[in-house]
Amino acid sequence: MKASNTHSIDRAELSAQQRAACRAALFTVHSPRRLNLQAGTRNYELTQLLKAHNAATAAIVTAYNPAGQKLPATKNKARHMALSAAIKKLKLAALPAERRSDVNSDPSDEAFLVLNISGAQAEALLTEFDQQALLWCNQSGAPELMVHPLMRQRGWRQASAG
């Protein structure tokens, strides 16, 4: 199942407030303990988790709410299952995760921490599932946002743009 192009990222425009919300998003990996991550904040437990899985890189990606447009729960669940199938097709291991905005009233989005994913594979998932950004992780630095290629073309640089 391919993700729907109903809400295409090429029509998405991000306000400064939406960009700040992307950067402030909180990510939780459920393996075996809860591991909380945020862009720009180095996490020793993440480094240990990656080493334990012999993973040089990882990305937290969701399929929920394409291009920032809220969808009904049933559609988001179907998109999450399609993301799971896409990860399996890439023959990559993944751990359950979630993405939550910094606003307490927003529900979390189901996600995956995909292990040993390449930059090209991560970008392909961003594109296929119409996501504005994902959290890119490696063993040597703080997690950072990887922004959708079309958003970068519009001048929103990776993690540091304002």
Protein backbone atom coordinates (compact mmCIF):
# COMPACT_ATOMS: atom_id res chain seq x y z
CA MET A 1 0.00 0.00 0.00
CA LYS A 2 1.40 3.35 -1.01
CA ALA A 3 0.73 6.46 1.00
CA SER A 4 -1.96 8.71 -0.37
CA ASN A 5 -0.96 11.96 -2.04
CA THR A 6 -4.14 13.64 -0.79
CA HIS A 7 -2.11 16.08 1.34
CA SER A 8 0.98 16.65 -0.73
CA ILE A 9 4.00 18.24 0.89
CA ASP A 10 4.59 20.29 -2.25
CA ARG A 11 1.62 22.46 -1.25
CA ALA A 12 2.68 22.74 2.40
CA GLU A 13 3.91 26.02 3.74
CA LEU A 14 5.34 26.25 7.24
CA SER A 15 4.94 29.31 9.42
CA ALA A 16 7.67 30.22 11.89
CA GLN A 17 5.43 28.81 14.63
CA GLN A 18 5.06 25.47 12.80
CA ARG A 19 8.82 25.29 12.27
CA ALA A 20 9.41 25.90 15.96
CA ALA A 21 6.88 23.17 16.77
CA CYS A 22 8.76 20.72 14.50
CA ARG A 23 11.99 21.47 16.34
CA ALA A 24 10.33 21.20 19.76
CA ALA A 25 8.71 17.81 19.06
CA LEU A 26 9.47 15.11 21.59
CA PHE A 27 10.25 11.56 20.46
CA THR A 28 10.00 8.44 22.58
CA VAL A 29 11.45 5.06 21.67
CA HIS A 30 9.90 2.05 23.40
CA SER A 31 12.75 -0.43 23.73
CA PRO A 32 12.88 -2.07 26.49
CA ARG A 33 12.91 1.18 28.47
CA ARG A 34 11.37 4.45 27.36
CA LEU A 35 14.01 6.62 25.71
CA ASN A 36 13.08 10.29 25.26
CA LEU A 37 14.75 12.26 22.47
CA GLN A 38 14.64 15.76 21.07
CA ALA A 39 16.42 17.40 18.15
CA GLY A 40 19.64 19.08 19.22
CA THR A 41 19.93 17.26 22.55
CA ARG A 42 22.58 14.55 22.77
CA ASN A 43 21.47 11.41 24.57
CA TYR A 44 23.89 8.84 25.97
CA GLU A 45 21.18 6.16 26.15
CA LEU A 46 20.52 6.57 22.41
CA THR A 47 24.22 5.99 21.70
CA GLN A 48 24.11 2.84 23.84
CA LEU A 49 20.93 1.63 22.12
CA LEU A 50 22.47 2.10 18.67
CA LYS A 51 25.64 0.28 19.76
CA ALA A 52 23.60 -2.58 21.24
CA HIS A 53 21.85 -3.00 17.88
CA ASN A 54 25.09 -2.55 15.93
CA ALA A 55 23.48 0.44 14.19
CA ALA A 56 25.52 3.38 12.96
CA THR A 57 22.38 5.39 12.15
CA ALA A 58 18.68 5.49 12.88
CA ALA A 59 15.68 7.66 12.11
CA ILE A 60 12.39 8.19 13.87
CA VAL A 61 9.72 8.43 11.22
CA THR A 62 5.93 8.53 11.29
CA ALA A 63 3.29 8.34 8.60
CA TYR A 64 0.66 10.21 10.62
CA ASN A 65 -0.87 13.47 9.44
CA PRO A 66 0.81 13.97 6.03
CA ALA A 67 2.11 17.48 5.30
CA GLY A 68 0.95 18.47 8.77
CA GLN A 69 -2.74 17.91 7.93
CA LYS A 70 -4.73 16.16 10.67
CA LEU A 71 -6.32 12.90 9.53
CA PRO A 72 -8.86 10.68 11.28
CA ALA A 73 -7.39 7.98 13.53
CA THR A 74 -8.42 5.18 11.14
CA LYS A 75 -6.54 6.77 8.24
CA ASN A 76 -3.47 7.41 10.39
CA LYS A 77 -3.48 3.77 11.56
CA ALA A 78 -3.65 2.57 7.94
CA ARG A 79 -0.75 4.88 7.03
CA HIS A 80 1.24 3.53 10.01
CA MET A 81 0.70 -0.03 8.75
CA ALA A 82 1.86 1.06 5.27
CA LEU A 83 4.99 2.57 6.84
CA SER A 84 5.63 -0.70 8.68
CA ALA A 85 5.37 -2.57 5.36
CA ALA A 86 7.73 -0.08 3.66
CA ILE A 87 10.32 -0.58 6.41
CA LYS A 88 10.04 -4.37 6.09
CA LYS A 89 10.45 -4.05 2.31
CA LEU A 90 13.74 -2.19 2.97
CA LYS A 91 14.75 -5.16 5.19
CA LEU A 92 15.50 -2.83 8.10
CA ALA A 93 14.86 -3.45 11.79
CA ALA A 94 12.63 -1.01 13.62
CA LEU A 95 11.56 -0.35 17.18
CA PRO A 96 8.23 1.17 18.21
CA ALA A 97 8.34 4.90 18.88
CA GLU A 98 6.11 7.94 19.02
CA ARG A 99 6.28 11.62 18.18
CA ARG A 100 4.56 14.20 20.34
CA SER A 101 4.45 17.93 19.91
CA ASP A 102 5.48 19.99 22.90
CA VAL A 103 1.82 20.89 23.36
CA ASN A 104 0.38 18.59 26.00
CA SER A 105 -3.08 18.53 24.43
CA ASP A 106 -1.88 17.04 21.12
CA PRO A 107 -2.08 13.24 20.90
CA SER A 108 1.11 11.42 20.01
CA ASP A 109 1.76 9.95 16.57
CA GLU A 110 2.85 6.33 16.31
CA ALA A 111 6.29 6.08 14.76
CA PHE A 112 9.28 3.79 14.32
CA LEU A 113 12.95 4.10 15.16
CA VAL A 114 14.40 2.56 11.99
CA LEU A 115 17.89 1.13 12.56
CA ASN A 116 20.79 1.34 10.08
CA ILE A 117 18.78 3.43 7.66
CA SER A 118 20.73 5.40 5.07
CA GLY A 119 20.13 9.07 4.41
CA ALA A 120 18.69 8.24 0.99
CA GLN A 121 16.30 5.67 2.49
CA ALA A 122 15.19 8.13 5.18
CA GLU A 123 14.57 10.82 2.57
CA ALA A 124 12.58 8.34 0.48
CA LEU A 125 10.31 7.61 3.47
CA LEU A 126 9.85 11.35 4.06
CA THR A 127 8.77 11.72 0.45
CA GLU A 128 6.60 8.60 0.24
CA PHE A 129 4.69 9.44 3.42
CA ASP A 130 4.52 13.24 2.91
CA GLN A 131 6.24 14.10 6.18
CA GLN A 132 7.78 17.50 6.83
CA ALA A 133 10.67 16.11 8.87
CA LEU A 134 12.02 13.11 10.75
CA LEU A 135 14.54 12.75 13.57
CA TRP A 136 17.95 11.61 12.26
CA CYS A 137 20.24 9.88 14.75
CA ASN A 138 23.77 8.50 14.80
CA GLN A 139 26.22 7.35 17.46
CA SER A 140 28.41 10.45 17.40
CA GLY A 141 26.13 13.44 17.80
CA ALA A 142 22.84 14.88 18.91
CA PRO A 143 19.74 13.82 16.97
CA GLU A 144 18.73 16.37 14.35
CA LEU A 145 15.82 17.03 12.06
CA MET A 146 16.04 15.84 8.48
CA VAL A 147 13.69 18.06 6.52
CA HIS A 148 11.70 16.97 3.46
CA PRO A 149 13.64 17.82 0.25
CA LEU A 150 10.95 20.23 -0.98
CA MET A 151 11.04 22.10 2.33
CA ARG A 152 14.82 22.42 1.98
CA GLN A 153 14.38 23.79 -1.55
CA ARG A 154 12.18 26.49 -0.07
CA GLY A 155 15.02 27.55 2.19
CA TRP A 156 14.32 25.67 5.41
CA ARG A 157 17.73 24.29 6.26
CA GLN A 158 18.05 21.14 8.34
CA ALA A 159 18.04 21.57 12.11
CA SER A 160 19.16 25.17 12.46
CA ALA A 161 16.85 27.18 10.22
CA GLY A 162 14.55 29.76 11.72
